Amino acid sequence: MARSGLAAAARVARWADSALGPGRDAATADGKATLSDPSAERAAADLGLTPDQVRHDWDIARLAGLIEVHGDSARPGWRLRAWNRDDSAVLRGWVALFDAWSLATPEPAEEEAAAVAEVVSAMPQVLSFLQLSAGPVPVDQLLDLLRQRVTELRTERCEVPYAADAASPTALVPTADADPAEPARDAELAPLLDWALHALASVGALTCGAGQATLTPLGSWAVWVKLEQICVAAQSPAGNIEQAAEDMLRGCAQLRPNAARSEYRAWLAARTVGGAVTELLVASRGEDALLRGLAFEALRVVGAPAEPDVRAVVDEPALRPYALLWLAEHDGVDPEDAHEVLTREEATWLWVDTAAAVADHGEAPMLVRHLESALQPTVPALLDEVRAVGHPRTVQVLVALAAAHPDPALAKAVRRAAFQVHTGGS
C-alpha cells in the first residue's frame, strides 16, 4: 500500500533527479522549495500530467523524503535511492508523509492559527481511538473526543475552556477573569475536524464516508507503531532516555548487547531521527574510543535513515573504519565478513582504536586477548604496522599492552616500540 500510494510521487522525484539536479534547470524560484512554473510545465509535458498534478506529487515527494531541495536544485533523498531494494525505506517514507499530514492539505483559511494548532495537537488521541476501535467510527463521536482533548490542552495551559456548544457535557462556565478573546478561539471544531480527516485521507491513513471514518490498514499500522514507540520510550531499562548521547552511551557501556540495544531503541524513540544521528556522530568524534564504537552500534539500531550521515563521515580518518563497516553491513554483507571492506591500514587503525577503548575501560586480560585478534601473523609485524598507521593513542596502547602482557620478552619489545613512537625513532 505504501509503495502504490507513493508511486506517483516517486515518479516525479525520479524526473526531478534527472532534470533538476545540480547544474541543470532550477527547481524552484521562491526559495521555499515550491516547484517553479517552468519546471512544473516541463514535468507535465514529460510525464503526461497536468501542472497541478505535478505540483501535488512534488509536494508529496518532499514530505516523504523522496526528493530534497537545496537552493534551487533537487537531489534524490535516501528513500528514493533505496526504493527498489528496501521496502522499509518505502514504509519510512510513508510514515514521514503521515507525520506531515497537516501540511499535505491546506488548512482552512478562515480558521485561526491557534485553533488549527490545537486540533493538530489533539489528533493523535483521535487516531488512537480510531485504531483501538478497529472499524468505522461516527464522525460525531470523533468530534466529541476532539472537543474533550482540546479542553484538556487548554486546561494544561491554564486557559479557561469555553465550549461552542453550551449543551455539551464538556462545556464550562468562564470565570470573571476569562480572556475576552477566548470565545473567538473556541470556534466550532467541526470544520477543523473535517479538514483533519480529509488531510489524513489524502495521505492514505483513513477513509471518510457516510458520516464515518475508518483507518486504512496502513494507517492502523502507523498509529500502532507510534504507540509502540511511546511504550518503548517509557520503558528505558537503564534510565538513560533523557541523557545526551555521550552520557547515554557511557550508561550503556556496562550493559549486555541486548540490553544496550533496548536502551538505544528507547533513547531513539524519544528523538527525531536526524537529531539523534547528529548527536551520536558528535559523540563518536570525541577522544574516548569506547564511545566511538558504541555510537556506531546505536547507529545500527537506527538503520537506513542514518545512511546519508554515515556515508558523509567516510572521509574522516577517525570514523572511516567504523563507517565503512556500518555501510557494508547496511548493504547486506555478513557482519563476520564486513571487515574485508577495510584496507590493511584501516584495519590496523581500527585495532589500535579498539585497543585504546579496552585500555581505558577494560581489564588487562582483555587487552592481551585483543592482541590475538590482530591481522598481522607476528607481533613484530603488528608493531611495525601499528607504528606506521599514526593513531594518536598508539603510545598509550603499546604502554598498556606491555604492562599487561605476561611474557617479559614480548612486553620488552612492545615497550621499545612505544618508546620509538614517542621519540619519533625507528
Protein backbone atom coordinates (compact mmCIF):
# COMPACT_ATOMS: atom_id res chain seq x y z
CA MET A 1 0.00 0.00 0.00
CA ALA A 2 2.80 2.42 0.87
CA ARG A 3 4.59 1.72 -2.41
CA SER A 4 1.45 2.22 -4.51
CA GLY A 5 0.43 5.29 -2.53
CA LEU A 6 3.79 6.94 -3.15
CA ALA A 7 4.30 5.71 -6.72
CA ALA A 8 3.25 8.99 -8.35
CA ALA A 9 5.48 11.00 -6.00
CA ALA A 10 8.40 8.67 -6.70
CA ARG A 11 7.88 9.15 -10.43
CA VAL A 12 8.11 12.94 -10.13
CA ALA A 13 11.11 12.59 -7.80
CA ARG A 14 12.97 10.49 -10.38
CA TRP A 15 12.13 13.04 -13.05
CA ALA A 16 13.43 15.84 -10.81
CA ASP A 17 16.64 13.91 -10.15
CA SER A 18 17.40 13.73 -13.86
CA ALA A 19 16.07 17.15 -14.87
CA LEU A 20 16.67 19.45 -11.90
CA GLY A 21 19.90 18.26 -10.36
CA PRO A 22 22.97 20.46 -9.78
CA GLY A 23 24.00 22.24 -12.96
CA ARG A 24 20.62 21.72 -14.59
CA ASP A 25 17.44 23.78 -14.68
CA ALA A 26 16.34 25.47 -11.48
CA ALA A 27 13.79 23.51 -9.44
CA THR A 28 12.38 26.44 -7.52
CA ALA A 29 12.10 30.17 -7.83
CA ASP A 30 10.88 31.36 -4.43
CA GLY A 31 13.45 29.84 -2.08
CA LYS A 32 10.70 27.81 -0.37
CA ALA A 33 11.07 24.55 -2.35
CA THR A 34 7.91 25.35 -4.35
CA LEU A 35 8.24 23.94 -7.85
CA SER A 36 8.66 26.77 -10.34
CA ASP A 37 6.09 27.21 -13.11
CA PRO A 38 8.54 26.39 -15.95
CA SER A 39 9.65 23.22 -14.14
CA ALA A 40 6.05 22.17 -13.44
CA GLU A 41 5.09 22.67 -17.07
CA ARG A 42 8.14 20.79 -18.31
CA ALA A 43 7.44 17.87 -15.96
CA ALA A 44 3.79 17.83 -17.02
CA ALA A 45 4.83 17.55 -20.67
CA ASP A 46 7.45 14.85 -19.95
CA LEU A 47 5.21 12.76 -17.70
CA GLY A 48 1.83 13.26 -19.33
CA LEU A 49 0.34 15.04 -16.32
CA THR A 50 -1.17 18.43 -15.62
CA PRO A 51 0.98 21.05 -13.86
CA ASP A 52 -1.31 20.84 -10.82
CA GLN A 53 -0.79 17.07 -10.62
CA VAL A 54 2.95 17.57 -10.85
CA ARG A 55 2.93 20.15 -8.05
CA HIS A 56 0.85 17.85 -5.85
CA ASP A 57 3.17 14.90 -6.44
CA TRP A 58 6.20 17.14 -5.93
CA ASP A 59 4.91 18.24 -2.53
CA ILE A 60 4.20 14.64 -1.53
CA ALA A 61 7.70 13.60 -2.65
CA ARG A 62 9.25 16.31 -0.48
CA LEU A 63 7.16 15.42 2.57
CA ALA A 64 8.02 11.73 2.15
CA GLY A 65 11.73 12.44 1.81
CA LEU A 66 11.93 11.15 -1.76
CA ILE A 67 13.38 14.42 -3.01
CA GLU A 68 15.46 17.03 -1.26
CA VAL A 69 15.69 20.65 -2.38
CA HIS A 70 18.93 22.51 -1.81
CA GLY A 71 18.85 26.09 -3.01
CA ASP A 72 17.34 25.92 -6.47
CA SER A 73 18.41 22.35 -7.28
CA ALA A 74 16.89 18.99 -6.39
CA ARG A 75 18.52 15.70 -5.45
CA PRO A 76 17.08 12.32 -4.51
CA GLY A 77 16.57 11.50 -0.84
CA TRP A 78 17.93 8.24 0.57
CA ARG A 79 14.45 6.71 0.43
CA LEU A 80 14.29 7.15 -3.34
CA ARG A 81 17.76 5.64 -3.75
CA ALA A 82 16.65 2.62 -1.70
CA TRP A 83 13.18 2.44 -3.30
CA ASN A 84 13.71 -0.71 -5.37
CA ARG A 85 15.68 -2.73 -2.83
CA ASP A 86 14.32 -1.77 0.57
CA ASP A 87 10.64 -1.99 1.49
CA SER A 88 11.42 -0.42 4.87
CA ALA A 89 12.61 2.72 3.08
CA VAL A 90 9.23 2.96 1.34
CA LEU A 91 7.41 2.48 4.64
CA ARG A 92 9.54 5.12 6.34
CA GLY A 93 8.74 7.49 3.51
CA TRP A 94 5.05 6.93 4.00
CA VAL A 95 5.36 7.37 7.78
CA ALA A 96 7.14 10.68 7.16
CA LEU A 97 4.20 11.70 4.97
CA PHE A 98 1.77 10.50 7.65
CA ASP A 99 3.60 12.59 10.25
CA ALA A 100 3.24 15.62 7.95
CA TRP A 101 -0.47 15.13 7.24
CA SER A 102 -1.30 18.68 8.39
CA LEU A 103 0.95 20.03 5.62
CA ALA A 104 -0.45 17.81 2.88
CA THR A 105 -3.75 19.70 2.64
CA PRO A 106 -4.01 23.48 3.11
CA GLU A 107 -5.69 24.38 6.37
CA PRO A 108 -8.97 26.33 6.25
CA ALA A 109 -8.07 29.95 5.51
CA GLU A 110 -10.82 31.33 7.71
CA GLU A 111 -9.69 29.48 10.85
CA GLU A 112 -7.38 30.98 13.45
CA ALA A 113 -3.86 29.57 13.56
CA ALA A 114 -4.22 28.83 17.29
CA ALA A 115 -7.34 26.73 16.71
CA VAL A 116 -5.62 24.79 13.90
CA ALA A 117 -2.62 24.13 16.15
CA GLU A 118 -4.89 22.81 18.90
CA VAL A 119 -6.58 20.39 16.53
CA VAL A 120 -3.25 19.16 15.18
CA SER A 121 -2.07 18.58 18.76
CA ALA A 122 -5.31 16.75 19.64
CA MET A 123 -5.45 14.45 16.59
CA PRO A 124 -3.07 11.76 17.94
CA GLN A 125 -5.69 10.90 20.58
CA VAL A 126 -8.39 10.79 17.91
CA LEU A 127 -6.23 8.49 15.78
CA SER A 128 -5.51 6.26 18.76
CA PHE A 129 -9.24 5.92 19.36
CA LEU A 130 -9.77 5.00 15.71
CA GLN A 131 -7.02 2.41 15.96
CA LEU A 132 -8.45 0.85 19.11
CA SER A 133 -11.95 0.82 17.59
CA ALA A 134 -10.68 -1.28 14.66
CA GLY A 135 -13.55 -0.23 12.42
CA PRO A 136 -15.76 2.68 11.33
CA VAL A 137 -16.37 5.39 13.93
CA PRO A 138 -19.09 8.04 13.60
CA VAL A 139 -17.64 11.49 12.96
CA ASP A 140 -19.90 12.92 15.69
CA GLN A 141 -18.20 10.65 18.20
CA LEU A 142 -14.78 11.78 16.99
CA LEU A 143 -15.93 15.40 17.31
CA ASP A 144 -16.86 14.87 20.97
CA LEU A 145 -13.47 13.30 21.60
CA LEU A 146 -11.73 16.18 19.83
CA ARG A 147 -13.59 18.74 21.97
CA GLN A 148 -12.59 16.91 25.14
CA ARG A 149 -8.95 16.76 24.11
CA VAL A 150 -8.83 20.45 23.13
CA THR A 151 -10.37 21.29 26.52
CA GLU A 152 -7.62 19.24 28.21
CA LEU A 153 -4.93 21.02 26.23
CA ARG A 154 -6.30 24.42 27.23
CA THR A 155 -6.57 23.34 30.86
CA GLU A 156 -2.93 22.21 30.81
CA ARG A 157 -2.06 25.72 29.66
CA CYS A 158 -4.18 27.16 32.48
CA GLU A 159 -6.66 28.59 29.98
CA VAL A 160 -10.41 28.63 30.53
CA PRO A 161 -12.19 26.37 28.03
CA TYR A 162 -15.26 27.95 26.52
CA ALA A 163 -17.30 25.34 24.70
CA ALA A 164 -19.00 26.31 21.47
CA ASP A 165 -21.96 24.14 22.36
CA ALA A 166 -23.39 25.23 25.75
CA ALA A 167 -25.36 22.00 25.97
CA SER A 168 -22.24 19.89 25.62
CA PRO A 169 -21.27 17.93 28.74
CA THR A 170 -17.75 19.33 28.32
CA ALA A 171 -18.94 22.96 28.42
CA LEU A 172 -17.52 25.03 31.24
CA VAL A 173 -18.67 28.38 32.58
CA PRO A 174 -15.98 31.07 32.14
CA THR A 175 -14.80 32.90 35.21
CA ALA A 176 -14.72 36.65 35.59
CA ASP A 177 -11.03 36.55 34.70
CA ALA A 178 -11.58 34.75 31.41
CA ASP A 179 -9.78 36.09 28.38
CA PRO A 180 -12.35 38.03 26.29
CA ALA A 181 -10.72 36.57 23.18
CA GLU A 182 -11.46 33.00 24.38
CA PRO A 183 -14.90 32.65 22.74
CA ALA A 184 -13.36 33.57 19.39
CA ARG A 185 -10.62 30.99 19.87
CA ASP A 186 -13.18 28.32 20.69
CA ALA A 187 -14.69 28.38 17.21
CA GLU A 188 -16.73 25.41 16.13
CA LEU A 189 -14.37 22.46 15.77
CA ALA A 190 -16.42 20.54 13.20
CA PRO A 191 -14.88 22.26 10.14
CA LEU A 192 -11.41 21.69 11.52
CA LEU A 193 -12.11 18.03 12.21
CA ASP A 194 -13.42 17.72 8.66
CA TRP A 195 -10.19 19.27 7.38
CA ALA A 196 -8.05 16.97 9.53
CA LEU A 197 -9.88 13.83 8.44
CA HIS A 198 -9.68 14.74 4.76
CA ALA A 199 -5.99 15.62 5.11
CA LEU A 200 -5.34 12.22 6.69
CA ALA A 201 -7.39 10.60 3.94
CA SER A 202 -5.28 12.37 1.31
CA VAL A 203 -2.14 10.65 2.61
CA GLY A 204 -3.84 7.25 2.76
CA ALA A 205 -4.22 6.97 6.53
CA LEU A 206 -8.00 6.70 6.65
CA THR A 207 -11.21 6.77 4.61
CA CYS A 208 -14.22 9.00 5.13
CA GLY A 209 -17.80 8.49 4.04
CA ALA A 210 -21.39 8.25 5.27
CA GLY A 211 -20.57 10.24 8.38
CA GLN A 212 -17.90 7.76 9.46
CA ALA A 213 -14.12 7.49 9.44
CA THR A 214 -12.07 4.30 9.26
CA LEU A 215 -8.32 3.82 9.44
CA THR A 216 -6.82 2.05 6.46
CA PRO A 217 -4.62 -0.96 7.24
CA LEU A 218 -1.60 1.26 6.59
CA GLY A 219 -2.98 3.99 8.87
CA SER A 220 -3.72 1.46 11.60
CA TRP A 221 -0.18 0.10 11.33
CA ALA A 222 1.31 3.61 11.53
CA VAL A 223 -0.69 4.50 14.65
CA TRP A 224 0.30 1.19 16.23
CA VAL A 225 3.97 1.94 15.50
CA LYS A 226 3.64 5.36 17.12
CA LEU A 227 2.01 3.85 20.21
CA GLU A 228 4.74 1.21 20.38
CA GLN A 229 7.41 3.91 20.21
CA ILE A 230 5.79 5.72 23.12
CA CYS A 231 5.73 2.47 25.12
CA VAL A 232 9.37 1.72 24.27
CA ALA A 233 10.41 5.23 25.26
CA ALA A 234 8.60 4.82 28.57
CA GLN A 235 10.42 1.55 29.31
CA SER A 236 14.01 2.73 29.20
CA PRO A 237 15.57 -0.12 31.22
CA ALA A 238 18.62 1.79 32.45
CA GLY A 239 17.03 5.21 32.71
CA ASN A 240 19.17 6.96 30.09
CA ILE A 241 16.36 8.20 27.88
CA GLU A 242 16.74 11.85 28.92
CA GLN A 243 20.53 11.87 28.71
CA ALA A 244 22.63 13.42 25.96
CA ALA A 245 24.12 10.92 23.52
CA GLU A 246 27.53 10.79 25.19
CA ASP A 247 26.09 10.19 28.66
CA MET A 248 23.63 7.64 27.29
CA LEU A 249 26.46 5.71 25.61
CA ARG A 250 28.51 5.75 28.81
CA GLY A 251 25.48 4.43 30.65
CA CYS A 252 25.23 1.56 28.15
CA ALA A 253 28.92 0.65 28.31
CA GLN A 254 28.42 -1.97 31.04
CA LEU A 255 25.21 -3.44 29.64
CA ARG A 256 24.98 -6.70 27.74
CA PRO A 257 24.45 -6.27 23.98
CA ASN A 258 20.71 -6.99 24.02
CA ALA A 259 20.11 -4.68 26.98
CA ALA A 260 22.18 -1.95 25.33
CA ARG A 261 20.16 -2.26 22.11
CA SER A 262 16.94 -1.91 24.10
CA GLU A 263 18.35 1.23 25.66
CA TYR A 264 19.34 2.60 22.25
CA ARG A 265 15.83 1.96 20.92
CA ALA A 266 14.24 3.74 23.88
CA TRP A 267 16.60 6.71 23.52
CA LEU A 268 15.99 6.92 19.76
CA ALA A 269 12.22 6.67 20.14
CA ALA A 270 12.21 9.85 22.20
CA ARG A 271 14.01 11.88 19.50
CA THR A 272 13.79 12.79 15.86
CA VAL A 273 15.94 10.53 13.71
CA GLY A 274 18.02 13.38 12.29
CA GLY A 275 18.75 14.91 15.67
CA ALA A 276 19.64 11.54 17.21
CA VAL A 277 22.03 10.62 14.40
CA THR A 278 23.76 14.00 14.66
CA GLU A 279 24.18 13.59 18.43
CA LEU A 280 25.64 10.10 18.04
CA LEU A 281 28.14 11.21 15.41
CA VAL A 282 29.22 14.16 17.57
CA ALA A 283 29.81 11.72 20.45
CA SER A 284 31.80 9.44 18.15
CA ARG A 285 34.26 12.24 17.33
CA GLY A 286 35.48 12.56 20.90
CA GLU A 287 38.70 11.17 22.36
CA ASP A 288 37.02 8.18 24.01
CA ALA A 289 37.34 5.26 21.60
CA LEU A 290 34.74 3.26 23.52
CA LEU A 291 32.09 5.87 22.73
CA ARG A 292 33.09 5.70 19.08
CA GLY A 293 32.32 2.01 18.89
CA LEU A 294 29.11 2.30 20.93
CA ALA A 295 27.89 5.23 18.83
CA PHE A 296 28.07 3.11 15.69
CA GLU A 297 26.32 0.26 17.48
CA ALA A 298 23.49 2.68 18.24
CA LEU A 299 23.53 3.80 14.59
CA ARG A 300 22.99 0.16 13.61
CA VAL A 301 19.74 0.33 15.56
CA VAL A 302 18.79 3.48 13.61
CA GLY A 303 19.29 1.60 10.34
CA ALA A 304 18.71 3.01 6.87
CA PRO A 305 17.79 6.61 7.87
CA ALA A 306 21.35 7.05 9.14
CA GLU A 307 22.93 6.08 5.81
CA PRO A 308 23.47 9.59 4.35
CA ASP A 309 25.08 10.85 7.55
CA VAL A 310 27.27 7.78 7.95
CA ARG A 311 28.33 8.00 4.31
CA ALA A 312 29.21 11.65 4.85
CA VAL A 313 31.83 10.82 7.51
CA VAL A 314 33.69 8.20 5.48
CA ASP A 315 36.45 10.70 4.75
CA GLU A 316 37.07 11.45 8.43
CA PRO A 317 40.08 9.29 9.38
CA ALA A 318 38.90 8.61 12.93
CA LEU A 319 35.47 7.44 11.79
CA ARG A 320 36.27 5.90 8.41
CA PRO A 321 36.73 2.24 9.51
CA TYR A 322 33.55 2.33 11.59
CA ALA A 323 31.59 3.99 8.78
CA LEU A 324 32.83 1.52 6.16
CA LEU A 325 31.85 -1.46 8.34
CA TRP A 326 28.44 0.10 9.03
CA LEU A 327 27.80 0.69 5.33
CA ALA A 328 28.93 -2.82 4.39
CA GLU A 329 26.54 -4.38 6.89
CA HIS A 330 23.78 -2.00 5.76
CA ASP A 331 24.34 -3.20 2.18
CA GLY A 332 23.84 -6.81 3.27
CA VAL A 333 27.39 -8.02 3.89
CA ASP A 334 27.58 -10.60 6.67
CA PRO A 335 28.95 -8.88 9.81
CA GLU A 336 31.62 -11.55 10.08
CA ASP A 337 32.85 -10.71 6.57
CA ALA A 338 32.37 -6.94 6.73
CA HIS A 339 36.00 -6.38 7.82
CA GLU A 340 37.06 -7.37 4.30
CA VAL A 341 35.98 -3.92 3.05
CA LEU A 342 38.82 -2.35 5.08
CA THR A 343 42.33 -1.93 3.79
CA ARG A 344 45.13 -3.36 5.91
CA GLU A 345 45.95 0.16 7.14
CA GLU A 346 42.30 0.86 8.06
CA ALA A 347 42.00 -2.46 9.86
CA THR A 348 45.17 -1.73 11.84
CA TRP A 349 43.91 1.74 12.76
CA LEU A 350 40.67 0.15 14.00
CA TRP A 351 42.66 -2.41 16.00
CA VAL A 352 44.54 0.38 17.77
CA ASP A 353 41.34 2.34 18.38
CA THR A 354 39.65 -0.70 19.88
CA ALA A 355 42.73 -1.40 21.98
CA ALA A 356 42.52 2.15 23.29
CA ALA A 357 38.94 1.51 24.38
CA VAL A 358 39.97 -1.70 26.13
CA ALA A 359 42.93 0.01 27.80
CA ASP A 360 40.70 2.80 29.11
CA HIS A 361 37.71 0.75 30.20
CA GLY A 362 38.65 -2.94 30.25
CA GLU A 363 40.89 -5.22 32.23
CA ALA A 364 44.43 -6.32 31.43
CA PRO A 365 43.49 -9.84 30.26
CA MET A 366 41.08 -8.30 27.73
CA LEU A 367 43.92 -6.26 26.23
CA VAL A 368 46.10 -9.37 25.99
CA ARG A 369 43.28 -11.24 24.25
CA HIS A 370 42.83 -8.29 21.90
CA LEU A 371 46.40 -8.86 20.73
CA GLU A 372 45.27 -12.22 19.35
CA SER A 373 42.68 -10.52 17.10
CA ALA A 374 45.31 -8.62 15.09
CA LEU A 375 45.56 -9.37 11.38
CA GLN A 376 49.34 -9.50 11.44
CA PRO A 377 50.80 -13.01 11.86
CA THR A 378 53.59 -11.94 14.25
CA VAL A 379 53.99 -9.33 16.97
CA PRO A 380 56.95 -7.64 15.20
CA ALA A 381 54.82 -7.28 12.04
CA LEU A 382 51.96 -5.86 14.11
CA LEU A 383 54.24 -3.37 15.82
CA ASP A 384 55.66 -2.21 12.50
CA GLU A 385 52.20 -1.56 11.07
CA VAL A 386 50.87 -0.03 14.27
CA ARG A 387 53.73 2.46 14.33
CA ALA A 388 53.14 3.33 10.67
CA VAL A 389 49.38 3.88 10.95
CA GLY A 390 49.74 7.04 13.03
CA HIS A 391 46.90 6.57 15.52
CA PRO A 392 47.06 9.32 18.18
CA ARG A 393 46.72 6.78 21.01
CA THR A 394 49.45 4.44 19.75
CA VAL A 395 51.93 5.16 22.58
CA GLN A 396 49.34 4.73 25.34
CA VAL A 397 48.06 1.50 23.80
CA LEU A 398 51.53 -0.01 23.50
CA VAL A 399 52.49 1.00 27.04
CA ALA A 400 49.28 -0.54 28.40
CA LEU A 401 49.83 -3.71 26.37
CA ALA A 402 53.42 -4.03 27.62
CA ALA A 403 52.25 -3.63 31.21
CA ALA A 404 49.51 -6.23 30.77
CA HIS A 405 51.34 -8.96 28.85
CA PRO A 406 52.77 -11.82 30.96
CA ASP A 407 55.63 -12.60 28.52
CA PRO A 408 58.62 -10.46 29.61
CA ALA A 409 60.35 -10.66 26.22
CA LEU A 410 57.25 -9.64 24.31
CA ALA A 411 56.47 -6.90 26.82
CA LYS A 412 60.00 -5.54 26.36
CA ALA A 413 59.60 -5.44 22.57
CA VAL A 414 56.28 -3.61 22.90
CA ARG A 415 57.79 -1.07 25.32
CA ARG A 416 60.64 -0.47 22.88
CA ALA A 417 58.10 0.15 20.11
CA ALA A 418 56.22 2.60 22.35
CA PHE A 419 59.45 4.47 23.08
CA GLN A 420 60.29 4.66 19.38
CA VAL A 421 56.85 6.05 18.53
CA HIS A 422 57.15 8.55 21.38
CA THR A 423 60.58 9.77 20.29
CA GLY A 424 59.93 9.53 16.57
CA GLY A 425 62.69 6.94 16.13
CA SER A 426 62.65 3.77 14.05
